[in-house]
């Protein structure tokens, strides 16, 4: 079952939020990639003066290919809008991100953006979070953070490549994928995770999206 047609359609719809001279945060992943390609076409069509702020090398390469001028987050005073995907979205509209490993940079952009737009297919929507929570951790704190996560009731797995090598983020950190079962109070949990020394970011974001697009089959989508 493919949601590609719907993601393409809603990506074009989401571009109605873009205006000339905007600074735009570019999230990572499949949905964000589709939107970035559409954004590149819009810039050329309307001759917009747009700056993009990438959250990963993956999306940076895509943006360069479609001609979006890029800057880093520390080179701008604000971000007008962020477009990003999500790994899960619960009934309270909290999101889990970090499946691709860019959670720290993505959450920085969430925190400084005037508007956050999230795009996801309908399989990502749940009543309560059930997937693992990615946690970005300084390598020196691997054991101490793992022990703290276990005390919070989580099962910890170091994210690794197929050959067994640890996955390192673009910030030089590791990722612990933490299984808490069904999460009914994501705000409290992520506050406890982020209070742990050595944790750089939790995959449960406290900033809720302002607009959520839900891709459905048959090229259709909802706006929440």
C-alpha atoms as a PDB file:
ATOM      1  CA  UNK A   1       0.000   0.000   0.000  1.00  0.00           C
ATOM      2  CA  UNK A   2       1.561   3.279  -1.144  1.00  0.00           C
ATOM      3  CA  UNK A   3       0.944   6.775   0.160  1.00  0.00           C
ATOM      4  CA  UNK A   4       3.317   8.403  -2.335  1.00  0.00           C
ATOM      5  CA  UNK A   5       0.564  10.058  -4.403  1.00  0.00           C
ATOM      6  CA  UNK A   6      -1.033  11.558  -1.294  1.00  0.00           C
ATOM      7  CA  UNK A   7       2.310  12.779   0.048  1.00  0.00           C
ATOM      8  CA  UNK A   8       3.017  14.454  -3.290  1.00  0.00           C
ATOM      9  CA  UNK A   9      -0.425  16.088  -3.312  1.00  0.00           C
ATOM     10  CA  UNK A  10      -0.259  17.314   0.269  1.00  0.00           C
ATOM     11  CA  UNK A  11       3.321  18.542  -0.209  1.00  0.00           C
ATOM     12  CA  UNK A  12       2.096  20.832  -2.968  1.00  0.00           C
ATOM     13  CA  UNK A  13      -0.777  21.949  -0.740  1.00  0.00           C
ATOM     14  CA  UNK A  14       1.545  22.657   2.196  1.00  0.00           C
ATOM     15  CA  UNK A  15       3.565  25.065   0.086  1.00  0.00           C
ATOM     16  CA  UNK A  16       0.692  27.561   0.400  1.00  0.00           C
ATOM     17  CA  UNK A  17       2.300  28.511   3.725  1.00  0.00           C
ATOM     18  CA  UNK A  18       5.516  29.600   1.972  1.00  0.00           C
ATOM     19  CA  UNK A  19       6.093  33.265   1.191  1.00  0.00           C
ATOM     20  CA  UNK A  20       8.903  35.211  -0.444  1.00  0.00           C
ATOM     21  CA  UNK A  21      11.939  35.902   1.774  1.00  0.00           C
ATOM     22  CA  UNK A  22      11.050  33.036   4.148  1.00  0.00           C
ATOM     23  CA  UNK A  23      13.611  31.029   6.092  1.00  0.00           C
ATOM     24  CA  UNK A  24      12.414  27.416   5.934  1.00  0.00           C
ATOM     25  CA  UNK A  25      13.467  24.490   8.098  1.00  0.00           C
ATOM     26  CA  UNK A  26      13.900  21.332   6.040  1.00  0.00           C
ATOM     27  CA  UNK A  27      13.228  18.131   7.948  1.00  0.00           C
ATOM     28  CA  UNK A  28      14.611  14.719   7.052  1.00  0.00           C
ATOM     29  CA  UNK A  29      13.071  11.538   5.692  1.00  0.00           C
ATOM     30  CA  UNK A  30      10.778  10.440   2.868  1.00  0.00           C
ATOM     31  CA  UNK A  31       7.953  12.952   3.325  1.00  0.00           C
ATOM     32  CA  UNK A  32      10.346  15.866   3.813  1.00  0.00           C
ATOM     33  CA  UNK A  33      12.273  14.848   0.708  1.00  0.00           C
ATOM     34  CA  UNK A  34       9.106  14.973  -1.392  1.00  0.00           C
ATOM     35  CA  UNK A  35       8.243  18.417  -0.055  1.00  0.00           C
ATOM     36  CA  UNK A  36      11.768  19.769  -0.628  1.00  0.00           C
ATOM     37  CA  UNK A  37      11.606  18.707  -4.285  1.00  0.00           C
ATOM     38  CA  UNK A  38       8.278  20.528  -4.650  1.00  0.00           C
ATOM     39  CA  UNK A  39       9.726  23.572  -2.865  1.00  0.00           C
ATOM     40  CA  UNK A  40      12.572  23.705  -5.365  1.00  0.00           C
ATOM     41  CA  UNK A  41      10.050  23.880  -8.224  1.00  0.00           C
ATOM     42  CA  UNK A  42       8.070  26.623  -6.432  1.00  0.00           C
ATOM     43  CA  UNK A  43      11.167  28.783  -5.940  1.00  0.00           C
ATOM     44  CA  UNK A  44      11.998  28.616  -9.642  1.00  0.00           C
ATOM     45  CA  UNK A  45       8.390  29.223 -10.706  1.00  0.00           C
ATOM     46  CA  UNK A  46       7.835  32.286  -8.512  1.00  0.00           C
ATOM     47  CA  UNK A  47      11.456  33.448  -8.297  1.00  0.00           C
ATOM     48  CA  UNK A  48      11.247  33.435  -4.501  1.00  0.00           C
ATOM     49  CA  UNK A  49      14.190  34.486  -2.355  1.00  0.00           C
ATOM     50  CA  UNK A  50      14.099  31.533   0.053  1.00  0.00           C
ATOM     51  CA  UNK A  51      16.714  30.204   2.464  1.00  0.00           C
ATOM     52  CA  UNK A  52      16.569  26.600   3.645  1.00  0.00           C
ATOM     53  CA  UNK A  53      17.962  25.263   6.902  1.00  0.00           C
ATOM     54  CA  UNK A  54      18.706  21.512   6.561  1.00  0.00           C
ATOM     55  CA  UNK A  55      18.502  19.075   9.471  1.00  0.00           C
ATOM     56  CA  UNK A  56      20.724  16.420   7.917  1.00  0.00           C
ATOM     57  CA  UNK A  57      23.204  15.766   5.139  1.00  0.00           C
ATOM     58  CA  UNK A  58      20.541  13.647   3.431  1.00  0.00           C
ATOM     59  CA  UNK A  59      18.135  16.568   3.042  1.00  0.00           C
ATOM     60  CA  UNK A  60      20.981  19.006   2.368  1.00  0.00           C
ATOM     61  CA  UNK A  61      21.998  17.008  -0.706  1.00  0.00           C
ATOM     62  CA  UNK A  62      18.389  16.913  -1.917  1.00  0.00           C
ATOM     63  CA  UNK A  63      17.964  20.663  -1.417  1.00  0.00           C
ATOM     64  CA  UNK A  64      21.215  21.421  -3.244  1.00  0.00           C
ATOM     65  CA  UNK A  65      20.094  19.277  -6.177  1.00  0.00           C
ATOM     66  CA  UNK A  66      16.839  21.257  -6.601  1.00  0.00           C
ATOM     67  CA  UNK A  67      18.525  24.644  -6.174  1.00  0.00           C
ATOM     68  CA  UNK A  68      17.425  25.728  -2.690  1.00  0.00           C
ATOM     69  CA  UNK A  69      19.973  28.165  -1.138  1.00  0.00           C
ATOM     70  CA  UNK A  70      21.045  26.842   2.273  1.00  0.00           C
ATOM     71  CA  UNK A  71      22.201  28.295   5.594  1.00  0.00           C
ATOM     72  CA  UNK A  72      22.818  26.784   9.013  1.00  0.00           C
ATOM     73  CA  UNK A  73      20.525  27.333  12.003  1.00  0.00           C
ATOM     74  CA  UNK A  74      23.102  29.485  13.794  1.00  0.00           C
ATOM     75  CA  UNK A  75      23.193  31.885  10.832  1.00  0.00           C
ATOM     76  CA  UNK A  76      19.551  32.968  11.130  1.00  0.00           C
ATOM     77  CA  UNK A  77      17.608  34.812  13.819  1.00  0.00           C
ATOM     78  CA  UNK A  78      14.431  32.841  13.280  1.00  0.00           C
ATOM     79  CA  UNK A  79      12.778  30.232  11.086  1.00  0.00           C
ATOM     80  CA  UNK A  80       9.443  31.118   9.536  1.00  0.00           C
ATOM     81  CA  UNK A  81       8.271  27.558   9.000  1.00  0.00           C
ATOM     82  CA  UNK A  82       9.542  23.997   9.394  1.00  0.00           C
ATOM     83  CA  UNK A  83       8.350  21.114   7.249  1.00  0.00           C
ATOM     84  CA  UNK A  84       9.081  17.657   8.633  1.00  0.00           C
ATOM     85  CA  UNK A  85       7.809  14.107   8.962  1.00  0.00           C
ATOM     86  CA  UNK A  86       7.154  11.966  12.038  1.00  0.00           C
ATOM     87  CA  UNK A  87       7.651   8.361  13.127  1.00  0.00           C
ATOM     88  CA  UNK A  88       4.463   8.409  15.233  1.00  0.00           C
ATOM     89  CA  UNK A  89       1.819  10.981  16.199  1.00  0.00           C
ATOM     90  CA  UNK A  90      -0.382  10.360  19.235  1.00  0.00           C
ATOM     91  CA  UNK A  91      -3.905  11.558  20.030  1.00  0.00           C
ATOM     92  CA  UNK A  92      -2.477  14.540  21.968  1.00  0.00           C
ATOM     93  CA  UNK A  93      -0.557  15.553  18.791  1.00  0.00           C
ATOM     94  CA  UNK A  94       2.852  14.909  20.294  1.00  0.00           C
ATOM     95  CA  UNK A  95       5.310  13.431  17.793  1.00  0.00           C
ATOM     96  CA  UNK A  96       8.108  10.880  18.002  1.00  0.00           C
ATOM     97  CA  UNK A  97      11.003  11.586  15.681  1.00  0.00           C
ATOM     98  CA  UNK A  98      14.552  10.342  15.244  1.00  0.00           C
ATOM     99  CA  UNK A  99      14.133   7.203  13.170  1.00  0.00           C
ATOM    100  CA  UNK A 100      16.647   8.678  10.764  1.00  0.00           C
ATOM    101  CA  UNK A 101      18.922   9.916  13.532  1.00  0.00           C
ATOM    102  CA  UNK A 102      18.467  13.692  13.061  1.00  0.00           C
ATOM    103  CA  UNK A 103      16.376  14.307  16.197  1.00  0.00           C
ATOM    104  CA  UNK A 104      18.642  16.890  17.847  1.00  0.00           C
ATOM    105  CA  UNK A 105      18.829  19.155  14.815  1.00  0.00           C
ATOM    106  CA  UNK A 106      15.146  18.643  14.048  1.00  0.00           C
ATOM    107  CA  UNK A 107      14.082  19.627  17.557  1.00  0.00           C
ATOM    108  CA  UNK A 108      16.296  22.727  17.485  1.00  0.00           C
ATOM    109  CA  UNK A 109      14.429  23.854  14.381  1.00  0.00           C
ATOM    110  CA  UNK A 110      11.066  22.986  15.956  1.00  0.00           C
ATOM    111  CA  UNK A 111      11.927  25.152  18.951  1.00  0.00           C
ATOM    112  CA  UNK A 112      12.793  28.302  16.977  1.00  0.00           C
ATOM    113  CA  UNK A 113      10.190  28.061  14.208  1.00  0.00           C
ATOM    114  CA  UNK A 114       7.168  30.330  14.031  1.00  0.00           C
ATOM    115  CA  UNK A 115       5.145  27.509  12.454  1.00  0.00           C
ATOM    116  CA  UNK A 116       5.697  23.732  12.397  1.00  0.00           C
ATOM    117  CA  UNK A 117       4.076  21.600   9.680  1.00  0.00           C
ATOM    118  CA  UNK A 118       4.309  17.821   9.997  1.00  0.00           C
ATOM    119  CA  UNK A 119       3.552  15.357   7.205  1.00  0.00           C
ATOM    120  CA  UNK A 120       2.891  11.645   7.815  1.00  0.00           C
ATOM    121  CA  UNK A 121       0.929   8.765   6.339  1.00  0.00           C
ATOM    122  CA  UNK A 122      -2.070   7.451   8.265  1.00  0.00           C
ATOM    123  CA  UNK A 123      -0.185   4.416   9.649  1.00  0.00           C
ATOM    124  CA  UNK A 124       1.853   6.794  11.851  1.00  0.00           C
ATOM    125  CA  UNK A 125      -1.207   7.966  13.817  1.00  0.00           C
ATOM    126  CA  UNK A 126      -1.895   6.187  17.126  1.00  0.00           C
ATOM    127  CA  UNK A 127      -3.870   6.774  20.312  1.00  0.00           C
ATOM    128  CA  UNK A 128      -0.781   6.313  22.496  1.00  0.00           C
ATOM    129  CA  UNK A 129       2.850   5.951  21.456  1.00  0.00           C
ATOM    130  CA  UNK A 130       3.907   2.328  21.030  1.00  0.00           C
ATOM    131  CA  UNK A 131       7.212   2.563  19.165  1.00  0.00           C
ATOM    132  CA  UNK A 132      10.687   2.916  20.649  1.00  0.00           C
ATOM    133  CA  UNK A 133      11.858   6.385  21.634  1.00  0.00           C
ATOM    134  CA  UNK A 134      15.197   7.404  20.077  1.00  0.00           C
ATOM    135  CA  UNK A 135      17.476   9.140  22.581  1.00  0.00           C
ATOM    136  CA  UNK A 136      20.636  10.924  21.402  1.00  0.00           C
ATOM    137  CA  UNK A 137      23.401  10.428  23.953  1.00  0.00           C
ATOM    138  CA  UNK A 138      27.028  11.472  24.335  1.00  0.00           C
ATOM    139  CA  UNK A 139      29.159   8.318  23.880  1.00  0.00           C
ATOM    140  CA  UNK A 140      30.780   8.748  27.314  1.00  0.00           C
ATOM    141  CA  UNK A 141      27.342   8.559  28.941  1.00  0.00           C
ATOM    142  CA  UNK A 142      26.210   5.348  27.218  1.00  0.00           C
ATOM    143  CA  UNK A 143      26.163   3.180  30.355  1.00  0.00           C
ATOM    144  CA  UNK A 144      24.955   5.823  32.799  1.00  0.00           C
ATOM    145  CA  UNK A 145      22.092   6.901  30.553  1.00  0.00           C
ATOM    146  CA  UNK A 146      21.169   3.284  29.817  1.00  0.00           C
ATOM    147  CA  UNK A 147      20.901   2.616  33.558  1.00  0.00           C
ATOM    148  CA  UNK A 148      18.771   5.733  34.046  1.00  0.00           C
ATOM    149  CA  UNK A 149      16.445   4.757  31.195  1.00  0.00           C
ATOM    150  CA  UNK A 150      16.010   1.306  32.730  1.00  0.00           C
ATOM    151  CA  UNK A 151      14.991   2.928  36.026  1.00  0.00           C
ATOM    152  CA  UNK A 152      12.318   4.811  34.093  1.00  0.00           C
ATOM    153  CA  UNK A 153      10.974   1.455  32.876  1.00  0.00           C
ATOM    154  CA  UNK A 154      12.585   1.383  29.453  1.00  0.00           C
ATOM    155  CA  UNK A 155      14.414  -1.390  27.621  1.00  0.00           C
ATOM    156  CA  UNK A 156      17.521  -0.033  25.909  1.00  0.00           C
ATOM    157  CA  UNK A 157      19.053  -1.004  22.564  1.00  0.00           C
ATOM    158  CA  UNK A 158      22.122   0.734  21.131  1.00  0.00           C
ATOM    159  CA  UNK A 159      21.342   1.598  17.504  1.00  0.00           C
ATOM    160  CA  UNK A 160      23.806  -0.252  15.291  1.00  0.00           C
ATOM    161  CA  UNK A 161      24.473  -0.918  11.631  1.00  0.00           C
ATOM    162  CA  UNK A 162      23.884  -4.376  10.152  1.00  0.00           C
ATOM    163  CA  UNK A 163      27.555  -5.260  10.654  1.00  0.00           C
ATOM    164  CA  UNK A 164      27.367  -4.366  14.343  1.00  0.00           C
ATOM    165  CA  UNK A 165      29.031  -0.950  14.303  1.00  0.00           C
ATOM    166  CA  UNK A 166      27.265   1.713  16.408  1.00  0.00           C
ATOM    167  CA  UNK A 167      25.346   4.374  14.508  1.00  0.00           C
ATOM    168  CA  UNK A 168      26.789   7.844  15.089  1.00  0.00           C
ATOM    169  CA  UNK A 169      24.717  10.955  14.472  1.00  0.00           C
ATOM    170  CA  UNK A 170      26.037  13.888  12.470  1.00  0.00           C
ATOM    171  CA  UNK A 171      26.786  15.465  15.856  1.00  0.00           C
ATOM    172  CA  UNK A 172      29.122  12.611  16.840  1.00  0.00           C
ATOM    173  CA  UNK A 173      26.699  11.069  19.339  1.00  0.00           C
ATOM    174  CA  UNK A 174      25.093   7.633  19.678  1.00  0.00           C
ATOM    175  CA  UNK A 175      21.411   6.739  19.704  1.00  0.00           C
ATOM    176  CA  UNK A 176      19.708   4.531  22.256  1.00  0.00           C
ATOM    177  CA  UNK A 177      16.351   3.169  21.086  1.00  0.00           C
ATOM    178  CA  UNK A 178      14.267   2.868  24.241  1.00  0.00           C
ATOM    179  CA  UNK A 179      11.158   0.706  24.520  1.00  0.00           C
ATOM    180  CA  UNK A 180       8.693   1.945  27.167  1.00  0.00           C
ATOM    181  CA  UNK A 181       5.747  -0.075  25.887  1.00  0.00           C
ATOM    182  CA  UNK A 182       2.590   2.034  25.632  1.00  0.00           C
ATOM    183  CA  UNK A 183       3.320   5.665  26.539  1.00  0.00           C
ATOM    184  CA  UNK A 184       0.323   7.467  28.030  1.00  0.00           C
ATOM    185  CA  UNK A 185       2.147  10.522  29.397  1.00  0.00           C
ATOM    186  CA  UNK A 186       4.757  11.463  26.781  1.00  0.00           C
ATOM    187  CA  UNK A 187       5.388  14.946  28.177  1.00  0.00           C
ATOM    188  CA  UNK A 188       6.367  13.668  31.616  1.00  0.00           C
ATOM    189  CA  UNK A 189       8.476  10.858  30.177  1.00  0.00           C
ATOM    190  CA  UNK A 190      10.479  13.071  27.819  1.00  0.00           C
ATOM    191  CA  UNK A 191      11.094  15.615  30.596  1.00  0.00           C
ATOM    192  CA  UNK A 192      12.584  12.845  32.742  1.00  0.00           C
ATOM    193  CA  UNK A 193      14.690  11.542  29.855  1.00  0.00           C
ATOM    194  CA  UNK A 194      16.061  15.006  29.044  1.00  0.00           C
ATOM    195  CA  UNK A 195      16.884  15.645  32.701  1.00  0.00           C
ATOM    196  CA  UNK A 196      19.412  12.790  32.552  1.00  0.00           C
ATOM    197  CA  UNK A 197      23.039  13.922  32.331  1.00  0.00           C
ATOM    198  CA  UNK A 198      24.528  12.889  28.994  1.00  0.00           C
ATOM    199  CA  UNK A 199      21.246  13.008  27.075  1.00  0.00           C
ATOM    200  CA  UNK A 200      21.348  15.484  24.197  1.00  0.00           C
ATOM    201  CA  UNK A 201      17.803  14.959  22.943  1.00  0.00           C
ATOM    202  CA  UNK A 202      14.715  12.805  23.279  1.00  0.00           C
ATOM    203  CA  UNK A 203      12.701  11.683  20.265  1.00  0.00           C
ATOM    204  CA  UNK A 204       9.451  12.810  21.911  1.00  0.00           C
ATOM    205  CA  UNK A 205       9.193  16.499  21.010  1.00  0.00           C
ATOM    206  CA  UNK A 206       7.442  18.845  23.434  1.00  0.00           C
ATOM    207  CA  UNK A 207       6.654  21.398  20.698  1.00  0.00           C
ATOM    208  CA  UNK A 208       3.490  20.210  19.017  1.00  0.00           C
ATOM    209  CA  UNK A 209       2.979  20.857  15.292  1.00  0.00           C
ATOM    210  CA  UNK A 210       0.766  23.772  14.277  1.00  0.00           C
ATOM    211  CA  UNK A 211      -0.479  21.882  11.210  1.00  0.00           C
ATOM    212  CA  UNK A 212      -0.516  18.124  10.593  1.00  0.00           C
ATOM    213  CA  UNK A 213      -1.077  16.527   7.190  1.00  0.00           C
ATOM    214  CA  UNK A 214      -2.270  12.908   7.165  1.00  0.00           C
ATOM    215  CA  UNK A 215      -1.722  11.069   3.906  1.00  0.00           C
ATOM    216  CA  UNK A 216      -4.320   8.458   2.957  1.00  0.00           C
ATOM    217  CA  UNK A 217      -4.605   6.026   0.061  1.00  0.00           C
ATOM    218  CA  UNK A 218      -5.834   7.053  -3.359  1.00  0.00           C
ATOM    219  CA  UNK A 219      -3.896  10.298  -3.328  1.00  0.00           C
ATOM    220  CA  UNK A 220      -6.121  11.790  -0.603  1.00  0.00           C
ATOM    221  CA  UNK A 221      -5.124  13.540   2.625  1.00  0.00           C
ATOM    222  CA  UNK A 222      -6.535  15.259   5.723  1.00  0.00           C
ATOM    223  CA  UNK A 223      -5.363  18.464   7.396  1.00  0.00           C
ATOM    224  CA  UNK A 224      -5.488  18.343  11.192  1.00  0.00           C
END
